[in-house]
């Protein structure tokens, strides 16, 4: 009888542990994620702010230099090689 009582207590503790973990695991993981995010923002926050300041918004058109009207084409790109088809 003591053996069955011990098995019953072990099973009861197992299911209670599963229930407690289901209830508190999301809160614990959320807390850990929040702390990790705060830590990274503390260490690397300056880089992200600088990067956001230099990035242009999506959809903005930026022209850095107007193309010149009289741009010449460079015909001396390379040597011309005439290939023959070999059968």
PDB file of N, CA and C in Angstrom:
ATOM      1  N   UNK A   1       0.829  -1.188   0.000  1.00  0.00           N
ATOM      2  CA  UNK A   1       0.000   0.000   0.000  1.00  0.00           C
ATOM      3  C   UNK A   1       0.878   1.258   0.000  1.00  0.00           C
ATOM      4  N   UNK A   2       2.010   1.215   0.653  1.00  0.00           N
ATOM      5  CA  UNK A   2       2.895   2.374   0.718  1.00  0.00           C
ATOM      6  C   UNK A   2       3.467   2.682  -0.672  1.00  0.00           C
ATOM      7  N   UNK A   3       3.674   1.625  -1.470  1.00  0.00           N
ATOM      8  CA  UNK A   3       4.203   1.822  -2.817  1.00  0.00           C
ATOM      9  C   UNK A   3       3.218   2.611  -3.672  1.00  0.00           C
ATOM     10  N   UNK A   4       1.930   2.238  -3.621  1.00  0.00           N
ATOM     11  CA  UNK A   4       0.898   2.943  -4.389  1.00  0.00           C
ATOM     12  C   UNK A   4       0.743   4.384  -3.909  1.00  0.00           C
ATOM     13  N   UNK A   5       0.856   4.590  -2.613  1.00  0.00           N
ATOM     14  CA  UNK A   5       0.750   5.932  -2.051  1.00  0.00           C
ATOM     15  C   UNK A   5       1.916   6.807  -2.556  1.00  0.00           C
ATOM     16  N   UNK A   6       3.114   6.228  -2.618  1.00  0.00           N
ATOM     17  CA  UNK A   6       4.283   6.966  -3.101  1.00  0.00           C
ATOM     18  C   UNK A   6       4.127   7.314  -4.580  1.00  0.00           C
ATOM     19  N   UNK A   7       3.665   6.352  -5.380  1.00  0.00           N
ATOM     20  CA  UNK A   7       3.434   6.600  -6.809  1.00  0.00           C
ATOM     21  C   UNK A   7       2.379   7.678  -6.992  1.00  0.00           C
ATOM     22  N   UNK A   8       1.309   7.641  -6.229  1.00  0.00           N
ATOM     23  CA  UNK A   8       0.238   8.637  -6.318  1.00  0.00           C
ATOM     24  C   UNK A   8       0.766  10.030  -5.968  1.00  0.00           C
ATOM     25  N   UNK A   9       1.593  10.130  -4.938  1.00  0.00           N
ATOM     26  CA  UNK A   9       2.166  11.428  -4.545  1.00  0.00           C
ATOM     27  C   UNK A   9       3.089  11.959  -5.642  1.00  0.00           C
ATOM     28  N   UNK A  10       3.890  11.093  -6.244  1.00  0.00           N
ATOM     29  CA  UNK A  10       4.792  11.515  -7.320  1.00  0.00           C
ATOM     30  C   UNK A  10       3.997  12.009  -8.521  1.00  0.00           C
ATOM     31  N   UNK A  11       2.946  11.296  -8.900  1.00  0.00           N
ATOM     32  CA  UNK A  11       2.111  11.704 -10.035  1.00  0.00           C
ATOM     33  C   UNK A  11       1.409  13.025  -9.726  1.00  0.00           C
ATOM     34  N   UNK A  12       0.908  13.184  -8.518  1.00  0.00           N
ATOM     35  CA  UNK A  12       0.239  14.418  -8.111  1.00  0.00           C
ATOM     36  C   UNK A  12       1.211  15.609  -8.158  1.00  0.00           C
ATOM     37  N   UNK A  13       2.411  15.423  -7.655  1.00  0.00           N
ATOM     38  CA  UNK A  13       3.420  16.492  -7.694  1.00  0.00           C
ATOM     39  C   UNK A  13       3.780  16.832  -9.138  1.00  0.00           C
ATOM     40  N   UNK A  14       3.890  15.828  -9.998  1.00  0.00           N
ATOM     41  CA  UNK A  14       4.213  16.048 -11.409  1.00  0.00           C
ATOM     42  C   UNK A  14       3.153  16.920 -12.079  1.00  0.00           C
ATOM     43  N   UNK A  15       1.861  16.575 -11.884  1.00  0.00           N
ATOM     44  CA  UNK A  15       0.797  17.348 -12.522  1.00  0.00           C
ATOM     45  C   UNK A  15       0.663  18.748 -11.919  1.00  0.00           C
ATOM     46  N   UNK A  16       0.899  18.887 -10.637  1.00  0.00           N
ATOM     47  CA  UNK A  16       0.880  20.223 -10.034  1.00  0.00           C
ATOM     48  C   UNK A  16       2.022  21.084 -10.576  1.00  0.00           C
ATOM     49  N   UNK A  17       3.191  20.469 -10.749  1.00  0.00           N
ATOM     50  CA  UNK A  17       4.328  21.186 -11.308  1.00  0.00           C
ATOM     51  C   UNK A  17       4.024  21.645 -12.738  1.00  0.00           C
ATOM     52  N   UNK A  18       3.412  20.770 -13.560  1.00  0.00           N
ATOM     53  CA  UNK A  18       3.040  21.138 -14.917  1.00  0.00           C
ATOM     54  C   UNK A  18       2.051  22.301 -14.917  1.00  0.00           C
ATOM     55  N   UNK A  19       1.100  22.282 -14.009  1.00  0.00           N
ATOM     56  CA  UNK A  19       0.095  23.343 -13.922  1.00  0.00           C
ATOM     57  C   UNK A  19       0.736  24.671 -13.537  1.00  0.00           C
ATOM     58  N   UNK A  20       1.618  24.648 -12.569  1.00  0.00           N
ATOM     59  CA  UNK A  20       2.286  25.871 -12.123  1.00  0.00           C
ATOM     60  C   UNK A  20       3.175  26.431 -13.232  1.00  0.00           C
ATOM     61  N   UNK A  21       3.878  25.548 -13.947  1.00  0.00           N
ATOM     62  CA  UNK A  21       4.743  26.001 -15.040  1.00  0.00           C
ATOM     63  C   UNK A  21       3.917  26.628 -16.151  1.00  0.00           C
ATOM     64  N   UNK A  22       2.769  26.043 -16.489  1.00  0.00           N
ATOM     65  CA  UNK A  22       1.904  26.610 -17.516  1.00  0.00           C
ATOM     66  C   UNK A  22       1.399  27.993 -17.125  1.00  0.00           C
ATOM     67  N   UNK A  23       1.173  28.195 -15.845  1.00  0.00           N
ATOM     68  CA  UNK A  23       0.653  29.482 -15.389  1.00  0.00           C
ATOM     69  C   UNK A  23       1.734  30.560 -15.339  1.00  0.00           C
ATOM     70  N   UNK A  24       2.936  30.200 -14.904  1.00  0.00           N
ATOM     71  CA  UNK A  24       3.951  31.212 -14.658  1.00  0.00           C
ATOM     72  C   UNK A  24       5.046  31.292 -15.717  1.00  0.00           C
ATOM     73  N   UNK A  25       5.164  30.326 -16.597  1.00  0.00           N
ATOM     74  CA  UNK A  25       6.227  30.346 -17.608  1.00  0.00           C
ATOM     75  C   UNK A  25       6.126  31.545 -18.552  1.00  0.00           C
ATOM     76  N   UNK A  26       4.949  31.896 -19.058  1.00  0.00           N
ATOM     77  CA  UNK A  26       4.884  33.074 -19.937  1.00  0.00           C
ATOM     78  C   UNK A  26       5.328  34.359 -19.239  1.00  0.00           C
ATOM     79  N   UNK A  27       4.984  34.502 -17.979  1.00  0.00           N
ATOM     80  CA  UNK A  27       5.384  35.698 -17.236  1.00  0.00           C
ATOM     81  C   UNK A  27       6.889  35.717 -17.008  1.00  0.00           C
ATOM     82  N   UNK A  28       7.465  34.560 -16.703  1.00  0.00           N
ATOM     83  CA  UNK A  28       8.907  34.487 -16.465  1.00  0.00           C
ATOM     84  C   UNK A  28       9.675  34.756 -17.763  1.00  0.00           C
ATOM     85  N   UNK A  29       9.231  34.154 -18.874  1.00  0.00           N
ATOM     86  CA  UNK A  29       9.899  34.379 -20.150  1.00  0.00           C
ATOM     87  C   UNK A  29       9.721  35.818 -20.617  1.00  0.00           C
ATOM     88  N   UNK A  30       8.562  36.400 -20.384  1.00  0.00           N
ATOM     89  CA  UNK A  30       8.341  37.801 -20.732  1.00  0.00           C
ATOM     90  C   UNK A  30       9.260  38.719 -19.947  1.00  0.00           C
ATOM     91  N   UNK A  31       9.408  38.429 -18.669  1.00  0.00           N
ATOM     92  CA  UNK A  31      10.305  39.219 -17.830  1.00  0.00           C
ATOM     93  C   UNK A  31      11.752  39.089 -18.314  1.00  0.00           C
ATOM     94  N   UNK A  32      12.168  37.872 -18.636  1.00  0.00           N
ATOM     95  CA  UNK A  32      13.535  37.652 -19.118  1.00  0.00           C
ATOM     96  C   UNK A  32      13.758  38.357 -20.455  1.00  0.00           C
ATOM     97  N   UNK A  33      12.787  38.312 -21.348  1.00  0.00           N
ATOM     98  CA  UNK A  33      12.919  38.982 -22.643  1.00  0.00           C
ATOM     99  C   UNK A  33      12.989  40.494 -22.464  1.00  0.00           C
ATOM    100  N   UNK A  34      12.186  41.035 -21.573  1.00  0.00           N
ATOM    101  CA  UNK A  34      12.187  42.476 -21.310  1.00  0.00           C
ATOM    102  C   UNK A  34      13.530  42.925 -20.742  1.00  0.00           C
ATOM    103  N   UNK A  35      14.069  42.154 -19.802  1.00  0.00           N
ATOM    104  CA  UNK A  35      15.361  42.484 -19.211  1.00  0.00           C
ATOM    105  C   UNK A  35      16.480  42.394 -20.248  1.00  0.00           C
ATOM    106  N   UNK A  36      16.427  41.379 -21.107  1.00  0.00           N
ATOM    107  CA  UNK A  36      17.432  41.236 -22.159  1.00  0.00           C
ATOM    108  C   UNK A  36      17.361  42.407 -23.129  1.00  0.00           C
ATOM    109  N   UNK A  37      16.145  42.823 -23.486  1.00  0.00           N
ATOM    110  CA  UNK A  37      15.983  43.955 -24.389  1.00  0.00           C
ATOM    111  C   UNK A  37      16.510  45.239 -23.747  1.00  0.00           C
ATOM    112  N   UNK A  38      16.247  45.435 -22.478  1.00  0.00           N
ATOM    113  CA  UNK A  38      16.772  46.604 -21.776  1.00  0.00           C
ATOM    114  C   UNK A  38      18.299  46.584 -21.749  1.00  0.00           C
ATOM    115  N   UNK A  39      18.861  45.421 -21.525  1.00  0.00           N
ATOM    116  CA  UNK A  39      20.318  45.288 -21.497  1.00  0.00           C
ATOM    117  C   UNK A  39      20.929  45.644 -22.845  1.00  0.00           C
ATOM    118  N   UNK A  40      20.342  45.123 -23.943  1.00  0.00           N
ATOM    119  CA  UNK A  40      20.874  45.421 -25.266  1.00  0.00           C
ATOM    120  C   UNK A  40      20.679  46.892 -25.623  1.00  0.00           C
ATOM    121  N   UNK A  41      19.544  47.465 -25.246  1.00  0.00           N
ATOM    122  CA  UNK A  41      19.333  48.887 -25.507  1.00  0.00           C
ATOM    123  C   UNK A  41      20.337  49.737 -24.740  1.00  0.00           C
ATOM    124  N   UNK A  42      20.681  49.300 -23.552  1.00  0.00           N
ATOM    125  CA  UNK A  42      21.665  50.020 -22.749  1.00  0.00           C
ATOM    126  C   UNK A  42      23.040  49.951 -23.396  1.00  0.00           C
ATOM    127  N   UNK A  43      23.402  48.776 -23.911  1.00  0.00           N
ATOM    128  CA  UNK A  43      24.725  48.594 -24.503  1.00  0.00           C
ATOM    129  C   UNK A  43      24.818  49.160 -25.917  1.00  0.00           C
ATOM    130  N   UNK A  44      23.794  48.918 -26.733  1.00  0.00           N
ATOM    131  CA  UNK A  44      23.869  49.263 -28.151  1.00  0.00           C
ATOM    132  C   UNK A  44      22.822  50.290 -28.568  1.00  0.00           C
ATOM    133  N   UNK A  45      22.224  50.993 -27.657  1.00  0.00           N
ATOM    134  CA  UNK A  45      21.164  51.948 -27.980  1.00  0.00           C
ATOM    135  C   UNK A  45      21.636  53.107 -28.825  1.00  0.00           C
ATOM    136  N   UNK A  46      22.851  53.582 -28.615  1.00  0.00           N
ATOM    137  CA  UNK A  46      23.369  54.704 -29.377  1.00  0.00           C
ATOM    138  C   UNK A  46      23.516  54.402 -30.851  1.00  0.00           C
ATOM    139  N   UNK A  47      23.888  53.169 -31.184  1.00  0.00           N
ATOM    140  CA  UNK A  47      24.060  52.802 -32.582  1.00  0.00           C
ATOM    141  C   UNK A  47      22.722  52.795 -33.312  1.00  0.00           C
ATOM    142  N   UNK A  48      21.700  52.288 -32.676  1.00  0.00           N
ATOM    143  CA  UNK A  48      20.389  52.217 -33.316  1.00  0.00           C
ATOM    144  C   UNK A  48      19.833  53.616 -33.546  1.00  0.00           C
ATOM    145  N   UNK A  49      20.043  54.535 -32.614  1.00  0.00           N
ATOM    146  CA  UNK A  49      19.539  55.896 -32.789  1.00  0.00           C
ATOM    147  C   UNK A  49      20.275  56.597 -33.918  1.00  0.00           C
ATOM    148  N   UNK A  50      21.577  56.397 -34.036  1.00  0.00           N
ATOM    149  CA  UNK A  50      22.337  57.003 -35.124  1.00  0.00           C
ATOM    150  C   UNK A  50      21.901  56.428 -36.468  1.00  0.00           C
ATOM    151  N   UNK A  51      21.667  55.135 -36.499  1.00  0.00           N
ATOM    152  CA  UNK A  51      21.277  54.496 -37.746  1.00  0.00           C
ATOM    153  C   UNK A  51      19.903  54.977 -38.186  1.00  0.00           C
ATOM    154  N   UNK A  52      18.972  55.132 -37.260  1.00  0.00           N
ATOM    155  CA  UNK A  52      17.642  55.594 -37.606  1.00  0.00           C
ATOM    156  C   UNK A  52      17.673  57.030 -38.105  1.00  0.00           C
ATOM    157  N   UNK A  53      18.559  57.834 -37.583  1.00  0.00           N
ATOM    158  CA  UNK A  53      18.639  59.224 -38.003  1.00  0.00           C
ATOM    159  C   UNK A  53      19.168  59.346 -39.422  1.00  0.00           C
ATOM    160  N   UNK A  54      20.052  58.439 -39.834  1.00  0.00           N
ATOM    161  CA  UNK A  54      20.642  58.534 -41.165  1.00  0.00           C
ATOM    162  C   UNK A  54      19.812  57.839 -42.228  1.00  0.00           C
ATOM    163  N   UNK A  55      18.919  56.958 -41.859  1.00  0.00           N
ATOM    164  CA  UNK A  55      18.130  56.246 -42.847  1.00  0.00           C
ATOM    165  C   UNK A  55      17.036  57.154 -43.398  1.00  0.00           C
ATOM    166  N   UNK A  56      16.814  57.046 -44.711  1.00  0.00           N
ATOM    167  CA  UNK A  56      15.746  57.794 -45.330  1.00  0.00           C
ATOM    168  C   UNK A  56      14.458  57.010 -45.184  1.00  0.00           C
ATOM    169  N   UNK A  57      13.377  57.732 -45.257  1.00  0.00           N
ATOM    170  CA  UNK A  57      12.094  57.054 -45.182  1.00  0.00           C
ATOM    171  C   UNK A  57      11.840  56.301 -46.476  1.00  0.00           C
ATOM    172  N   UNK A  58      11.076  55.238 -46.401  1.00  0.00           N
ATOM    173  CA  UNK A  58      10.761  54.449 -47.579  1.00  0.00           C
ATOM    174  C   UNK A  58       9.856  55.272 -48.481  1.00  0.00           C
ATOM    175  N   UNK A  59      10.188  55.347 -49.756  1.00  0.00           N
ATOM    176  CA  UNK A  59       9.388  56.085 -50.716  1.00  0.00           C
ATOM    177  C   UNK A  59       9.955  57.453 -51.043  1.00  0.00           C
ATOM    178  N   UNK A  60      10.908  57.950 -50.283  1.00  0.00           N
ATOM    179  CA  UNK A  60      11.523  59.237 -50.573  1.00  0.00           C
ATOM    180  C   UNK A  60      12.435  59.113 -51.790  1.00  0.00           C
ATOM    181  N   UNK A  61      12.413  60.127 -52.625  1.00  0.00           N
ATOM    182  CA  UNK A  61      13.285  60.163 -53.787  1.00  0.00           C
ATOM    183  C   UNK A  61      14.386  61.162 -53.489  1.00  0.00           C
ATOM    184  N   UNK A  62      15.622  60.708 -53.566  1.00  0.00           N
ATOM    185  CA  UNK A  62      16.762  61.559 -53.276  1.00  0.00           C
ATOM    186  C   UNK A  62      17.662  61.572 -54.500  1.00  0.00           C
ATOM    187  N   UNK A  63      17.925  62.770 -55.021  1.00  0.00           N
ATOM    188  CA  UNK A  63      18.820  62.924 -56.154  1.00  0.00           C
ATOM    189  C   UNK A  63      20.071  63.586 -55.641  1.00  0.00           C
ATOM    190  N   UNK A  64      21.173  62.869 -55.678  1.00  0.00           N
ATOM    191  CA  UNK A  64      22.415  63.394 -55.153  1.00  0.00           C
ATOM    192  C   UNK A  64      23.150  64.228 -56.194  1.00  0.00           C
ATOM    193  N   UNK A  65      23.073  63.849 -57.473  1.00  0.00           N
ATOM    194  CA  UNK A  65      23.773  64.572 -58.523  1.00  0.00           C
ATOM    195  C   UNK A  65      22.965  64.456 -59.803  1.00  0.00           C
ATOM    196  N   UNK A  66      22.824  65.576 -60.490  1.00  0.00           N
ATOM    197  CA  UNK A  66      22.106  65.544 -61.751  1.00  0.00           C
ATOM    198  C   UNK A  66      22.999  64.914 -62.813  1.00  0.00           C
ATOM    199  N   UNK A  67      22.432  64.073 -63.646  1.00  0.00           N
ATOM    200  CA  UNK A  67      23.254  63.496 -64.718  1.00  0.00           C
ATOM    201  C   UNK A  67      23.591  64.573 -65.744  1.00  0.00           C
ATOM    202  N   UNK A  68      24.803  64.514 -66.261  1.00  0.00           N
ATOM    203  CA  UNK A  68      25.215  65.504 -67.252  1.00  0.00           C
ATOM    204  C   UNK A  68      24.567  65.193 -68.592  1.00  0.00           C
ATOM    205  N   UNK A  69      24.224  66.270 -69.330  1.00  0.00           N
ATOM    206  CA  UNK A  69      23.537  66.104 -70.613  1.00  0.00           C
ATOM    207  C   UNK A  69      24.451  65.517 -71.681  1.00  0.00           C
ATOM    208  N   UNK A  70      25.716  65.894 -71.661  1.00  0.00           N
ATOM    209  CA  UNK A  70      26.627  65.474 -72.724  1.00  0.00           C
ATOM    210  C   UNK A  70      27.491  64.306 -72.310  1.00  0.00           C
ATOM    211  N   UNK A  71      26.914  63.311 -71.697  1.00  0.00           N
ATOM    212  CA  UNK A  71      27.731  62.173 -71.289  1.00  0.00           C
ATOM    213  C   UNK A  71      28.128  61.362 -72.511  1.00  0.00           C
ATOM    214  N   UNK A  72      29.407  61.103 -72.634  1.00  0.00           N
ATOM    215  CA  UNK A  72      29.917  60.355 -73.780  1.00  0.00           C
ATOM    216  C   UNK A  72      29.972  58.872 -73.429  1.00  0.00           C
ATOM    217  N   UNK A  73      29.692  58.066 -74.396  1.00  0.00           N
ATOM    218  CA  UNK A  73      29.780  56.625 -74.222  1.00  0.00           C
ATOM    219  C   UNK A  73      31.209  56.195 -74.485  1.00  0.00           C
ATOM    220  N   UNK A  74      31.743  55.371 -73.651  1.00  0.00           N
ATOM    221  CA  UNK A  74      33.091  54.871 -73.823  1.00  0.00           C
ATOM    222  C   UNK A  74      33.026  53.621 -74.694  1.00  0.00           C
ATOM    223  N   UNK A  75      33.422  53.771 -75.979  1.00  0.00           N
ATOM    224  CA  UNK A  75      33.342  52.650 -76.906  1.00  0.00           C
ATOM    225  C   UNK A  75      34.453  51.641 -76.686  1.00  0.00           C
ATOM    226  N   UNK A  76      35.508  52.008 -75.991  1.00  0.00           N
ATOM    227  CA  UNK A  76      36.604  51.092 -75.748  1.00  0.00           C
ATOM    228  C   UNK A  76      36.342  50.297 -74.462  1.00  0.00           C
ATOM    229  N   UNK A  77      35.357  49.458 -74.526  1.00  0.00           N
ATOM    230  CA  UNK A  77      35.011  48.655 -73.371  1.00  0.00           C
ATOM    231  C   UNK A  77      35.938  47.468 -73.258  1.00  0.00           C
ATOM    232  N   UNK A  78      36.262  46.850 -74.367  1.00  0.00           N
ATOM    233  CA  UNK A  78      37.122  45.678 -74.344  1.00  0.00           C
ATOM    234  C   UNK A  78      37.362  45.186 -75.752  1.00  0.00           C
ATOM    235  N   UNK A  79      38.040  44.091 -75.878  1.00  0.00           N
ATOM    236  CA  UNK A  79      38.317  43.520 -77.192  1.00  0.00           C
ATOM    237  C   UNK A  79      37.115  42.726 -77.673  1.00  0.00           C
ATOM    238  N   UNK A  80      36.870  42.812 -78.985  1.00  0.00           N
ATOM    239  CA  UNK A  80      35.792  42.037 -79.575  1.00  0.00           C
ATOM    240  C   UNK A  80      36.338  40.682 -79.978  1.00  0.00           C
ATOM    241  N   UNK A  81      35.653  39.634 -79.559  1.00  0.00           N
ATOM    242  CA  UNK A  81      36.079  38.270 -79.885  1.00  0.00           C
ATOM    243  C   UNK A  81      34.956  37.622 -80.695  1.00  0.00           C
ATOM    244  N   UNK A  82      35.303  37.154 -81.870  1.00  0.00           N
ATOM    245  CA  UNK A  82      34.332  36.503 -82.730  1.00  0.00           C
ATOM    246  C   UNK A  82      34.340  35.010 -82.416  1.00  0.00           C
ATOM    247  N   UNK A  83      33.237  34.523 -81.926  1.00  0.00           N
ATOM    248  CA  UNK A  83      33.147  33.116 -81.569  1.00  0.00           C
ATOM    249  C   UNK A  83      32.563  32.322 -82.724  1.00  0.00           C
ATOM    250  N   UNK A  84      33.071  31.153 -82.954  1.00  0.00           N
ATOM    251  CA  UNK A  84      32.525  30.262 -83.963  1.00  0.00           C
ATOM    252  C   UNK A  84      31.897  29.074 -83.264  1.00  0.00           C
ATOM    253  N   UNK A  85      30.800  28.626 -83.813  1.00  0.00           N
ATOM    254  CA  UNK A  85      30.128  27.482 -83.207  1.00  0.00           C
ATOM    255  C   UNK A  85      30.830  26.210 -83.637  1.00  0.00           C
ATOM    256  N   UNK A  86      31.225  25.387 -82.687  1.00  0.00           N
ATOM    257  CA  UNK A  86      31.936  24.150 -82.968  1.00  0.00           C
ATOM    258  C   UNK A  86      30.970  22.990 -82.816  1.00  0.00           C
ATOM    259  N   UNK A  87      30.956  22.123 -83.851  1.00  0.00           N
ATOM    260  CA  UNK A  87      30.052  20.977 -83.769  1.00  0.00           C
ATOM    261  C   UNK A  87      30.784  19.701 -83.499  1.00  0.00           C
TER     262      UNK A  87
END
